[in-house]
Full PDB file with SEQRES, HELIX, SHEET, SSBOND, CRYST1, ORIGX, SCALE, CONECT and MASTER records, all heavy atoms in Angstrom:
SEQRES   1 A   37  GLY ILE LYS GLU TYR TYR ARG GLY LEU VAL PRO ILE LEU          
SEQRES   2 A   37  ILE ARG ASN GLY PRO SER ASN VAL LEU PHE PHE GLY LEU          
SEQRES   3 A   37  ARG GLY PRO ILE LYS GLN CYS LEU PRO GLU ALA                  
HELIX    1 AA1 ILE A    2  TYR A    5  1                                   4    
HELIX    2 AA2 LEU A    9  CYS A   33  1                                  25    
CRYST1    1.000    1.000    1.000  90.00  90.00  90.00 P 1           1          
ORIGX1      1.000000  0.000000  0.000000        0.00000                         
ORIGX2      0.000000  1.000000  0.000000        0.00000                         
ORIGX3      0.000000  0.000000  1.000000        0.00000                         
SCALE1      1.000000  0.000000  0.000000        0.00000                         
SCALE2      0.000000  1.000000  0.000000        0.00000                         
SCALE3      0.000000  0.000000  1.000000        0.00000                         
ATOM      1  N   GLY A   1      64.491 -96.822 -26.453  1.00  0.00           N  
ATOM      2  CA  GLY A   1      65.593 -96.487 -27.339  1.00  0.00           C  
ATOM      3  C   GLY A   1      65.339 -95.216 -28.128  1.00  0.00           C  
ATOM      4  O   GLY A   1      64.201 -94.737 -28.232  1.00  0.00           O  
ATOM      5  N   ILE A   2      66.391 -94.672 -28.708  1.00  0.00           N  
ATOM      6  CA  ILE A   2      66.323 -93.397 -29.428  1.00  0.00           C  
ATOM      7  C   ILE A   2      65.370 -93.452 -30.614  1.00  0.00           C  
ATOM      8  O   ILE A   2      64.736 -92.466 -30.972  1.00  0.00           O  
ATOM      9  CB  ILE A   2      67.748 -92.977 -29.907  1.00  0.00           C  
ATOM     10  CG1 ILE A   2      67.745 -91.536 -30.445  1.00  0.00           C  
ATOM     11  CG2 ILE A   2      68.271 -93.943 -30.961  1.00  0.00           C  
ATOM     12  CD1 ILE A   2      67.529 -90.486 -29.385  1.00  0.00           C  
ATOM     13  N   LYS A   3      65.242 -94.629 -31.221  1.00  0.00           N  
ATOM     14  CA  LYS A   3      64.375 -94.775 -32.393  1.00  0.00           C  
ATOM     15  C   LYS A   3      62.924 -94.446 -32.077  1.00  0.00           C  
ATOM     16  O   LYS A   3      62.193 -93.906 -32.919  1.00  0.00           O  
ATOM     17  CB  LYS A   3      64.489 -96.210 -32.921  1.00  0.00           C  
ATOM     18  CG  LYS A   3      63.858 -96.428 -34.286  1.00  0.00           C  
ATOM     19  CD  LYS A   3      64.098 -97.858 -34.759  1.00  0.00           C  
ATOM     20  CE  LYS A   3      63.430 -98.092 -36.113  1.00  0.00           C  
ATOM     21  NZ  LYS A   3      63.621 -99.492 -36.580  1.00  0.00           N  
ATOM     22  N   GLU A   4      62.505 -94.748 -30.836  1.00  0.00           N  
ATOM     23  CA  GLU A   4      61.112 -94.513 -30.440  1.00  0.00           C  
ATOM     24  C   GLU A   4      60.769 -93.022 -30.433  1.00  0.00           C  
ATOM     25  O   GLU A   4      59.628 -92.636 -30.677  1.00  0.00           O  
ATOM     26  CB  GLU A   4      60.858 -95.117 -29.057  1.00  0.00           C  
ATOM     27  CG  GLU A   4      59.395 -95.160 -28.655  1.00  0.00           C  
ATOM     28  CD  GLU A   4      58.573 -96.136 -29.482  1.00  0.00           C  
ATOM     29  OE1 GLU A   4      59.130 -97.180 -29.908  1.00  0.00           O  
ATOM     30  OE2 GLU A   4      57.393 -95.855 -29.712  1.00  0.00           O  
ATOM     31  N   TYR A   5      61.760 -92.184 -30.153  1.00  0.00           N  
ATOM     32  CA  TYR A   5      61.530 -90.735 -30.170  1.00  0.00           C  
ATOM     33  C   TYR A   5      61.188 -90.247 -31.577  1.00  0.00           C  
ATOM     34  O   TYR A   5      60.533 -89.221 -31.741  1.00  0.00           O  
ATOM     35  CB  TYR A   5      62.773 -89.980 -29.683  1.00  0.00           C  
ATOM     36  CG  TYR A   5      63.040 -90.078 -28.204  1.00  0.00           C  
ATOM     37  CD1 TYR A   5      64.143 -90.775 -27.717  1.00  0.00           C  
ATOM     38  CD2 TYR A   5      62.199 -89.456 -27.280  1.00  0.00           C  
ATOM     39  CE1 TYR A   5      64.402 -90.862 -26.356  1.00  0.00           C  
ATOM     40  CE2 TYR A   5      62.441 -89.532 -25.923  1.00  0.00           C  
ATOM     41  CZ  TYR A   5      63.545 -90.235 -25.463  1.00  0.00           C  
ATOM     42  OH  TYR A   5      63.789 -90.312 -24.109  1.00  0.00           O  
ATOM     43  N   TYR A   6      61.671 -90.982 -32.578  1.00  0.00           N  
ATOM     44  CA  TYR A   6      61.495 -90.547 -33.971  1.00  0.00           C  
ATOM     45  C   TYR A   6      60.441 -91.354 -34.715  1.00  0.00           C  
ATOM     46  O   TYR A   6      60.416 -91.373 -35.936  1.00  0.00           O  
ATOM     47  CB  TYR A   6      62.847 -90.598 -34.702  1.00  0.00           C  
ATOM     48  CG  TYR A   6      63.733 -89.438 -34.316  1.00  0.00           C  
ATOM     49  CD1 TYR A   6      64.590 -89.538 -33.219  1.00  0.00           C  
ATOM     50  CD2 TYR A   6      63.673 -88.233 -35.001  1.00  0.00           C  
ATOM     51  CE1 TYR A   6      65.385 -88.466 -32.840  1.00  0.00           C  
ATOM     52  CE2 TYR A   6      64.459 -87.153 -34.626  1.00  0.00           C  
ATOM     53  CZ  TYR A   6      65.314 -87.283 -33.551  1.00  0.00           C  
ATOM     54  OH  TYR A   6      66.090 -86.204 -33.159  1.00  0.00           O  
ATOM     55  N   ARG A   7      59.547 -91.990 -33.964  1.00  0.00           N  
ATOM     56  CA  ARG A   7      58.415 -92.665 -34.605  1.00  0.00           C  
ATOM     57  C   ARG A   7      57.555 -91.599 -35.298  1.00  0.00           C  
ATOM     58  O   ARG A   7      57.220 -90.573 -34.701  1.00  0.00           O  
ATOM     59  CB  ARG A   7      57.583 -93.410 -33.561  1.00  0.00           C  
ATOM     60  CG  ARG A   7      56.530 -94.322 -34.168  1.00  0.00           C  
ATOM     61  CD  ARG A   7      55.690 -94.959 -33.087  1.00  0.00           C  
ATOM     62  NE  ARG A   7      56.383 -96.014 -32.349  1.00  0.00           N  
ATOM     63  CZ  ARG A   7      56.382 -97.291 -32.684  1.00  0.00           C  
ATOM     64  NH1 ARG A   7      55.745 -97.684 -33.772  1.00  0.00           N  
ATOM     65  NH2 ARG A   7      57.026 -98.178 -31.942  1.00  0.00           N  
ATOM     66  N   GLY A   8      57.210 -91.835 -36.544  1.00  0.00           N  
ATOM     67  CA  GLY A   8      56.442 -90.844 -37.299  1.00  0.00           C  
ATOM     68  C   GLY A   8      57.317 -89.858 -38.059  1.00  0.00           C  
ATOM     69  O   GLY A   8      56.819 -88.858 -38.576  1.00  0.00           O  
ATOM     70  N   LEU A   9      58.612 -90.139 -38.167  1.00  0.00           N  
ATOM     71  CA  LEU A   9      59.530 -89.223 -38.859  1.00  0.00           C  
ATOM     72  C   LEU A   9      59.221 -89.115 -40.348  1.00  0.00           C  
ATOM     73  O   LEU A   9      59.296 -88.018 -40.918  1.00  0.00           O  
ATOM     74  CB  LEU A   9      60.974 -89.703 -38.668  1.00  0.00           C  
ATOM     75  CG  LEU A   9      62.073 -88.907 -39.406  1.00  0.00           C  
ATOM     76  CD1 LEU A   9      62.126 -87.479 -38.906  1.00  0.00           C  
ATOM     77  CD2 LEU A   9      63.435 -89.591 -39.246  1.00  0.00           C  
ATOM     78  N   VAL A  10      58.864 -90.226 -40.987  1.00  0.00           N  
ATOM     79  CA  VAL A  10      58.639 -90.229 -42.441  1.00  0.00           C  
ATOM     80  C   VAL A  10      57.535 -89.259 -42.860  1.00  0.00           C  
ATOM     81  O   VAL A  10      57.747 -88.424 -43.753  1.00  0.00           O  
ATOM     82  CB  VAL A  10      58.349 -91.663 -42.954  1.00  0.00           C  
ATOM     83  CG1 VAL A  10      57.906 -91.635 -44.421  1.00  0.00           C  
ATOM     84  CG2 VAL A  10      59.602 -92.526 -42.816  1.00  0.00           C  
ATOM     85  N   PRO A  11      56.331 -89.308 -42.247  1.00  0.00           N  
ATOM     86  CA  PRO A  11      55.313 -88.328 -42.649  1.00  0.00           C  
ATOM     87  C   PRO A  11      55.738 -86.882 -42.370  1.00  0.00           C  
ATOM     88  O   PRO A  11      55.336 -85.970 -43.108  1.00  0.00           O  
ATOM     89  CB  PRO A  11      54.079 -88.709 -41.818  1.00  0.00           C  
ATOM     90  CG  PRO A  11      54.572 -89.633 -40.754  1.00  0.00           C  
ATOM     91  CD  PRO A  11      55.785 -90.296 -41.298  1.00  0.00           C  
ATOM     92  N   ILE A  12      56.538 -86.667 -41.347  1.00  0.00           N  
ATOM     93  CA  ILE A  12      57.019 -85.312 -41.063  1.00  0.00           C  
ATOM     94  C   ILE A  12      57.936 -84.821 -42.174  1.00  0.00           C  
ATOM     95  O   ILE A  12      57.838 -83.671 -42.626  1.00  0.00           O  
ATOM     96  CB  ILE A  12      57.734 -85.269 -39.697  1.00  0.00           C  
ATOM     97  CG1 ILE A  12      56.707 -85.422 -38.572  1.00  0.00           C  
ATOM     98  CG2 ILE A  12      58.509 -83.962 -39.512  1.00  0.00           C  
ATOM     99  CD1 ILE A  12      57.301 -85.567 -37.184  1.00  0.00           C  
ATOM    100  N   LEU A  13      58.817 -85.699 -42.664  1.00  0.00           N  
ATOM    101  CA  LEU A  13      59.707 -85.338 -43.770  1.00  0.00           C  
ATOM    102  C   LEU A  13      58.914 -85.106 -45.058  1.00  0.00           C  
ATOM    103  O   LEU A  13      59.208 -84.175 -45.818  1.00  0.00           O  
ATOM    104  CB  LEU A  13      60.751 -86.443 -43.993  1.00  0.00           C  
ATOM    105  CG  LEU A  13      61.850 -86.560 -42.934  1.00  0.00           C  
ATOM    106  CD1 LEU A  13      62.673 -87.824 -43.170  1.00  0.00           C  
ATOM    107  CD2 LEU A  13      62.740 -85.323 -42.938  1.00  0.00           C  
ATOM    108  N   ILE A  14      57.913 -85.953 -45.307  1.00  0.00           N  
ATOM    109  CA  ILE A  14      57.069 -85.797 -46.497  1.00  0.00           C  
ATOM    110  C   ILE A  14      56.330 -84.463 -46.459  1.00  0.00           C  
ATOM    111  O   ILE A  14      56.151 -83.797 -47.478  1.00  0.00           O  
ATOM    112  CB  ILE A  14      56.053 -86.959 -46.607  1.00  0.00           C  
ATOM    113  CG1 ILE A  14      56.788 -88.278 -46.849  1.00  0.00           C  
ATOM    114  CG2 ILE A  14      55.044 -86.705 -47.715  1.00  0.00           C  
ATOM    115  CD1 ILE A  14      55.892 -89.502 -46.768  1.00  0.00           C  
ATOM    116  N   ARG A  15      55.927 -84.055 -45.274  1.00  0.00           N  
ATOM    117  CA  ARG A  15      55.164 -82.815 -45.101  1.00  0.00           C  
ATOM    118  C   ARG A  15      56.038 -81.561 -45.148  1.00  0.00           C  
ATOM    119  O   ARG A  15      55.704 -80.589 -45.826  1.00  0.00           O  
ATOM    120  CB  ARG A  15      54.428 -82.879 -43.758  1.00  0.00           C  
ATOM    121  CG  ARG A  15      53.647 -81.647 -43.378  1.00  0.00           C  
ATOM    122  CD  ARG A  15      53.308 -81.686 -41.884  1.00  0.00           C  
ATOM    123  NE  ARG A  15      54.497 -81.540 -41.053  1.00  0.00           N  
ATOM    124  CZ  ARG A  15      54.517 -81.774 -39.741  1.00  0.00           C  
ATOM    125  NH1 ARG A  15      53.427 -82.194 -39.134  1.00  0.00           N  
ATOM    126  NH2 ARG A  15      55.625 -81.593 -39.049  1.00  0.00           N  
ATOM    127  N   ASN A  16      57.153 -81.582 -44.404  1.00  0.00           N  
ATOM    128  CA  ASN A  16      57.925 -80.359 -44.183  1.00  0.00           C  
ATOM    129  C   ASN A  16      58.532 -79.747 -45.444  1.00  0.00           C  
ATOM    130  O   ASN A  16      58.415 -78.543 -45.667  1.00  0.00           O  
ATOM    131  CB  ASN A  16      59.039 -80.625 -43.165  1.00  0.00           C  
ATOM    132  CG  ASN A  16      58.535 -80.657 -41.739  1.00  0.00           C  
ATOM    133  OD1 ASN A  16      57.337 -80.646 -41.498  1.00  0.00           O  
ATOM    134  ND2 ASN A  16      59.442 -80.727 -40.796  1.00  0.00           N  
ATOM    135  N   GLY A  17      59.215 -80.577 -46.245  1.00  0.00           N  
ATOM    136  CA  GLY A  17      59.901 -80.054 -47.427  1.00  0.00           C  
ATOM    137  C   GLY A  17      58.962 -79.370 -48.415  1.00  0.00           C  
ATOM    138  O   GLY A  17      59.103 -78.168 -48.705  1.00  0.00           O  
ATOM    139  N   PRO A  18      57.966 -80.109 -48.956  1.00  0.00           N  
ATOM    140  CA  PRO A  18      57.050 -79.510 -49.931  1.00  0.00           C  
ATOM    141  C   PRO A  18      56.252 -78.328 -49.377  1.00  0.00           C  
ATOM    142  O   PRO A  18      56.019 -77.349 -50.085  1.00  0.00           O  
ATOM    143  CB  PRO A  18      56.113 -80.680 -50.283  1.00  0.00           C  
ATOM    144  CG  PRO A  18      56.905 -81.900 -49.995  1.00  0.00           C  
ATOM    145  CD  PRO A  18      57.751 -81.565 -48.809  1.00  0.00           C  
ATOM    146  N   SER A  19      55.831 -78.416 -48.109  1.00  0.00           N  
ATOM    147  CA  SER A  19      55.046 -77.311 -47.544  1.00  0.00           C  
ATOM    148  C   SER A  19      55.893 -76.037 -47.424  1.00  0.00           C  
ATOM    149  O   SER A  19      55.402 -74.930 -47.657  1.00  0.00           O  
ATOM    150  CB  SER A  19      54.453 -77.691 -46.188  1.00  0.00           C  
ATOM    151  OG  SER A  19      55.467 -77.928 -45.236  1.00  0.00           O  
ATOM    152  N   ASN A  20      57.174 -76.200 -47.081  1.00  0.00           N  
ATOM    153  CA  ASN A  20      58.069 -75.040 -47.017  1.00  0.00           C  
ATOM    154  C   ASN A  20      58.280 -74.417 -48.394  1.00  0.00           C  
ATOM    155  O   ASN A  20      58.305 -73.194 -48.541  1.00  0.00           O  
ATOM    156  CB  ASN A  20      59.428 -75.444 -46.434  1.00  0.00           C  
ATOM    157  CG  ASN A  20      59.456 -75.380 -44.925  1.00  0.00           C  
ATOM    158  OD1 ASN A  20      58.422 -75.237 -44.281  1.00  0.00           O  
ATOM    159  ND2 ASN A  20      60.630 -75.509 -44.340  1.00  0.00           N  
ATOM    160  N   VAL A  21      58.449 -75.263 -49.399  1.00  0.00           N  
ATOM    161  CA  VAL A  21      58.642 -74.770 -50.772  1.00  0.00           C  
ATOM    162  C   VAL A  21      57.442 -73.930 -51.199  1.00  0.00           C  
ATOM    163  O   VAL A  21      57.595 -72.821 -51.752  1.00  0.00           O  
ATOM    164  CB  VAL A  21      58.843 -75.943 -51.756  1.00  0.00           C  
ATOM    165  CG1 VAL A  21      58.826 -75.445 -53.200  1.00  0.00           C  
ATOM    166  CG2 VAL A  21      60.158 -76.655 -51.474  1.00  0.00           C  
ATOM    167  N   LEU A  22      56.238 -74.438 -50.949  1.00  0.00           N  
ATOM    168  CA  LEU A  22      55.025 -73.718 -51.339  1.00  0.00           C  
ATOM    169  C   LEU A  22      54.841 -72.450 -50.520  1.00  0.00           C  
ATOM    170  O   LEU A  22      54.443 -71.408 -51.052  1.00  0.00           O  
ATOM    171  CB  LEU A  22      53.807 -74.639 -51.183  1.00  0.00           C  
ATOM    172  CG  LEU A  22      53.739 -75.817 -52.159  1.00  0.00           C  
ATOM    173  CD1 LEU A  22      52.619 -76.784 -51.776  1.00  0.00           C  
ATOM    174  CD2 LEU A  22      53.542 -75.319 -53.582  1.00  0.00           C  
ATOM    175  N   PHE A  23      55.135 -72.525 -49.213  1.00  0.00           N  
ATOM    176  CA  PHE A  23      54.950 -71.357 -48.346  1.00  0.00           C  
ATOM    177  C   PHE A  23      55.854 -70.203 -48.767  1.00  0.00           C  
ATOM    178  O   PHE A  23      55.393 -69.084 -49.003  1.00  0.00           O  
ATOM    179  CB  PHE A  23      55.213 -71.727 -46.888  1.00  0.00           C  
ATOM    180  CG  PHE A  23      55.061 -70.575 -45.933  1.00  0.00           C  
ATOM    181  CD1 PHE A  23      53.801 -70.176 -45.505  1.00  0.00           C  
ATOM    182  CD2 PHE A  23      56.166 -69.873 -45.468  1.00  0.00           C  
ATOM    183  CE1 PHE A  23      53.642 -69.106 -44.629  1.00  0.00           C  
ATOM    184  CE2 PHE A  23      56.027 -68.812 -44.594  1.00  0.00           C  
ATOM    185  CZ  PHE A  23      54.757 -68.427 -44.177  1.00  0.00           C  
ATOM    186  N   PHE A  24      57.155 -70.472 -48.868  1.00  0.00           N  
ATOM    187  CA  PHE A  24      58.092 -69.406 -49.210  1.00  0.00           C  
ATOM    188  C   PHE A  24      57.983 -68.992 -50.674  1.00  0.00           C  
ATOM    189  O   PHE A  24      58.230 -67.837 -51.012  1.00  0.00           O  
ATOM    190  CB  PHE A  24      59.524 -69.846 -48.899  1.00  0.00           C  
ATOM    191  CG  PHE A  24      59.835 -69.889 -47.431  1.00  0.00           C  
ATOM    192  CD1 PHE A  24      60.094 -71.099 -46.793  1.00  0.00           C  
ATOM    193  CD2 PHE A  24      59.860 -68.730 -46.670  1.00  0.00           C  
ATOM    194  CE1 PHE A  24      60.373 -71.146 -45.433  1.00  0.00           C  
ATOM    195  CE2 PHE A  24      60.133 -68.766 -45.302  1.00  0.00           C  
ATOM    196  CZ  PHE A  24      60.391 -69.981 -44.690  1.00  0.00           C  
ATOM    197  N   GLY A  25      57.586 -69.933 -51.537  1.00  0.00           N  
ATOM    198  CA  GLY A  25      57.461 -69.608 -52.954  1.00  0.00           C  
ATOM    199  C   GLY A  25      56.244 -68.773 -53.285  1.00  0.00           C  
ATOM    200  O   GLY A  25      56.283 -67.947 -54.200  1.00  0.00           O  
ATOM    201  N   LEU A  26      55.149 -68.981 -52.552  1.00  0.00           N  
ATOM    202  CA  LEU A  26      53.888 -68.288 -52.871  1.00  0.00           C  
ATOM    203  C   LEU A  26      53.619 -67.063 -52.005  1.00  0.00           C  
ATOM    204  O   LEU A  26      52.731 -66.270 -52.306  1.00  0.00           O  
ATOM    205  CB  LEU A  26      52.720 -69.266 -52.732  1.00  0.00           C  
ATOM    206  CG  LEU A  26      52.716 -70.454 -53.706  1.00  0.00           C  
ATOM    207  CD1 LEU A  26      51.560 -71.397 -53.390  1.00  0.00           C  
ATOM    208  CD2 LEU A  26      52.614 -69.966 -55.144  1.00  0.00           C  
ATOM    209  N   ARG A  27      54.384 -66.907 -50.918  1.00  0.00           N  
ATOM    210  CA  ARG A  27      54.125 -65.807 -49.984  1.00  0.00           C  
ATOM    211  C   ARG A  27      54.236 -64.449 -50.666  1.00  0.00           C  
ATOM    212  O   ARG A  27      53.362 -63.584 -50.511  1.00  0.00           O  
ATOM    213  CB  ARG A  27      55.100 -65.903 -48.814  1.00  0.00           C  
ATOM    214  CG  ARG A  27      54.714 -65.042 -47.622  1.00  0.00           C  
ATOM    215  CD  ARG A  27      55.540 -65.384 -46.414  1.00  0.00           C  
ATOM    216  NE  ARG A  27      56.974 -65.359 -46.684  1.00  0.00           N  
ATOM    217  CZ  ARG A  27      57.883 -64.963 -45.786  1.00  0.00           C  
ATOM    218  NH1 ARG A  27      57.500 -64.591 -44.598  1.00  0.00           N  
ATOM    219  NH2 ARG A  27      59.162 -64.980 -46.078  1.00  0.00           N  
ATOM    220  N   GLY A  28      55.289 -64.252 -51.438  1.00  0.00           N  
ATOM    221  CA  GLY A  28      55.492 -62.977 -52.142  1.00  0.00           C  
ATOM    222  C   GLY A  28      54.421 -62.702 -53.183  1.00  0.00           C  
ATOM    223  O   GLY A  28      53.794 -61.626 -53.181  1.00  0.00           O  
ATOM    224  N   PRO A  29      54.183 -63.648 -54.123  1.00  0.00           N  
ATOM    225  CA  PRO A  29      53.166 -63.427 -55.157  1.00  0.00           C  
ATOM    226  C   PRO A  29      51.767 -63.148 -54.608  1.00  0.00           C  
ATOM    227  O   PRO A  29      51.043 -62.312 -55.151  1.00  0.00           O  
ATOM    228  CB  PRO A  29      53.183 -64.753 -55.939  1.00  0.00           C  
ATOM    229  CG  PRO A  29      54.579 -65.261 -55.775  1.00  0.00           C  
ATOM    230  CD  PRO A  29      54.970 -64.867 -54.382  1.00  0.00           C  
ATOM    231  N   ILE A  30      51.380 -63.855 -53.529  1.00  0.00           N  
ATOM    232  CA  ILE A  30      50.050 -63.620 -52.948  1.00  0.00           C  
ATOM    233  C   ILE A  30      49.963 -62.206 -52.386  1.00  0.00           C  
ATOM    234  O   ILE A  30      48.963 -61.497 -52.585  1.00  0.00           O  
ATOM    235  CB  ILE A  30      49.734 -64.661 -51.850  1.00  0.00           C  
ATOM    236  CG1 ILE A  30      49.484 -66.030 -52.477  1.00  0.00           C  
ATOM    237  CG2 ILE A  30      48.526 -64.234 -51.023  1.00  0.00           C  
ATOM    238  CD1 ILE A  30      49.248 -67.142 -51.478  1.00  0.00           C  
ATOM    239  N   LYS A  31      51.013 -61.768 -51.691  1.00  0.00           N  
ATOM    240  CA  LYS A  31      50.999 -60.423 -51.111  1.00  0.00           C  
ATOM    241  C   LYS A  31      50.928 -59.353 -52.194  1.00  0.00           C  
ATOM    242  O   LYS A  31      50.289 -58.312 -52.013  1.00  0.00           O  
ATOM    243  CB  LYS A  31      52.223 -60.206 -50.222  1.00  0.00           C  
ATOM    244  CG  LYS A  31      52.121 -58.935 -49.396  1.00  0.00           C  
ATOM    245  CD  LYS A  31      53.228 -58.812 -48.373  1.00  0.00           C  
ATOM    246  CE  LYS A  31      53.048 -57.518 -47.570  1.00  0.00           C  
ATOM    247  NZ  LYS A  31      54.118 -57.344 -46.568  1.00  0.00           N  
ATOM    248  N   GLN A  32      51.568 -59.611 -53.331  1.00  0.00           N  
ATOM    249  CA  GLN A  32      51.548 -58.647 -54.429  1.00  0.00           C  
ATOM    250  C   GLN A  32      50.152 -58.498 -55.034  1.00  0.00           C  
ATOM    251  O   GLN A  32      49.837 -57.464 -55.627  1.00  0.00           O  
ATOM    252  CB  GLN A  32      52.543 -59.070 -55.510  1.00  0.00           C  
ATOM    253  CG  GLN A  32      54.002 -58.880 -55.120  1.00  0.00           C  
ATOM    254  CD  GLN A  32      54.962 -59.418 -56.155  1.00  0.00           C  
ATOM    255  OE1 GLN A  32      54.549 -59.947 -57.189  1.00  0.00           O  
ATOM    256  NE2 GLN A  32      56.255 -59.301 -55.888  1.00  0.00           N  
ATOM    257  N   CYS A  33      49.335 -59.546 -54.888  1.00  0.00           N  
ATOM    258  CA  CYS A  33      47.962 -59.491 -55.421  1.00  0.00           C  
ATOM    259  C   CYS A  33      47.013 -58.700 -54.514  1.00  0.00           C  
ATOM    260  O   CYS A  33      45.904 -58.343 -54.930  1.00  0.00           O  
ATOM    261  CB  CYS A  33      47.420 -60.912 -55.599  1.00  0.00           C  
ATOM    262  SG  CYS A  33      48.282 -61.871 -56.851  1.00  0.00           S  
ATOM    263  N   LEU A  34      47.439 -58.447 -53.273  1.00  0.00           N  
ATOM    264  CA  LEU A  34      46.602 -57.715 -52.322  1.00  0.00           C  
ATOM    265  C   LEU A  34      46.742 -56.210 -52.539  1.00  0.00           C  
ATOM    266  O   LEU A  34      47.734 -55.759 -53.127  1.00  0.00           O  
ATOM    267  CB  LEU A  34      47.003 -58.075 -50.883  1.00  0.00           C  
ATOM    268  CG  LEU A  34      46.830 -59.551 -50.494  1.00  0.00           C  
ATOM    269  CD1 LEU A  34      47.419 -59.813 -49.114  1.00  0.00           C  
ATOM    270  CD2 LEU A  34      45.351 -59.943 -50.514  1.00  0.00           C  
ATOM    271  N   PRO A  35      45.767 -55.418 -52.077  1.00  0.00           N  
ATOM    272  CA  PRO A  35      45.867 -53.950 -52.216  1.00  0.00           C  
ATOM    273  C   PRO A  35      47.157 -53.432 -51.588  1.00  0.00           C  
ATOM    274  O   PRO A  35      47.601 -53.941 -50.549  1.00  0.00           O  
ATOM    275  CB  PRO A  35      44.636 -53.443 -51.452  1.00  0.00           C  
ATOM    276  CG  PRO A  35      43.673 -54.581 -51.473  1.00  0.00           C  
ATOM    277  CD  PRO A  35      44.511 -55.831 -51.437  1.00  0.00           C  
ATOM    278  N   GLU A  36      47.757 -52.440 -52.218  1.00  0.00           N  
ATOM    279  CA  GLU A  36      49.020 -51.900 -51.731  1.00  0.00           C  
ATOM    280  C   GLU A  36      48.855 -51.302 -50.332  1.00  0.00           C  
ATOM    281  O   GLU A  36      47.930 -50.526 -50.072  1.00  0.00           O  
ATOM    282  CB  GLU A  36      49.544 -50.825 -52.691  1.00  0.00           C  
ATOM    283  CG  GLU A  36      50.925 -50.315 -52.316  1.00  0.00           C  
ATOM    284  CD  GLU A  36      51.444 -49.285 -53.314  1.00  0.00           C  
ATOM    285  OE1 GLU A  36      50.761 -49.046 -54.331  1.00  0.00           O  
ATOM    286  OE2 GLU A  36      52.529 -48.730 -53.061  1.00  0.00           O  
ATOM    287  N   ALA A  37      49.754 -51.670 -49.433  1.00  0.00           N  
ATOM    288  CA  ALA A  37      49.700 -51.177 -48.051  1.00  0.00           C  
ATOM    289  C   ALA A  37      50.491 -49.881 -47.931  1.00  0.00           C  
ATOM    290  O   ALA A  37      51.593 -49.757 -48.466  1.00  0.00           O  
ATOM    291  CB  ALA A  37      50.271 -52.230 -47.110  1.00  0.00           C  
TER     292      ALA A  37                                                      
MASTER        0    0    0    2    0    0    0    6  291    1    0    3          
END                                                                             
């Protein structure tokens, strides 16, 4: 059944949202701390 394809969906949802927030939120500030290119 279709449900079997989505086994493990909960940890994926827990991971994806917060990791995206941190990635896109910190990408700019970290680059600004590096020597100017």
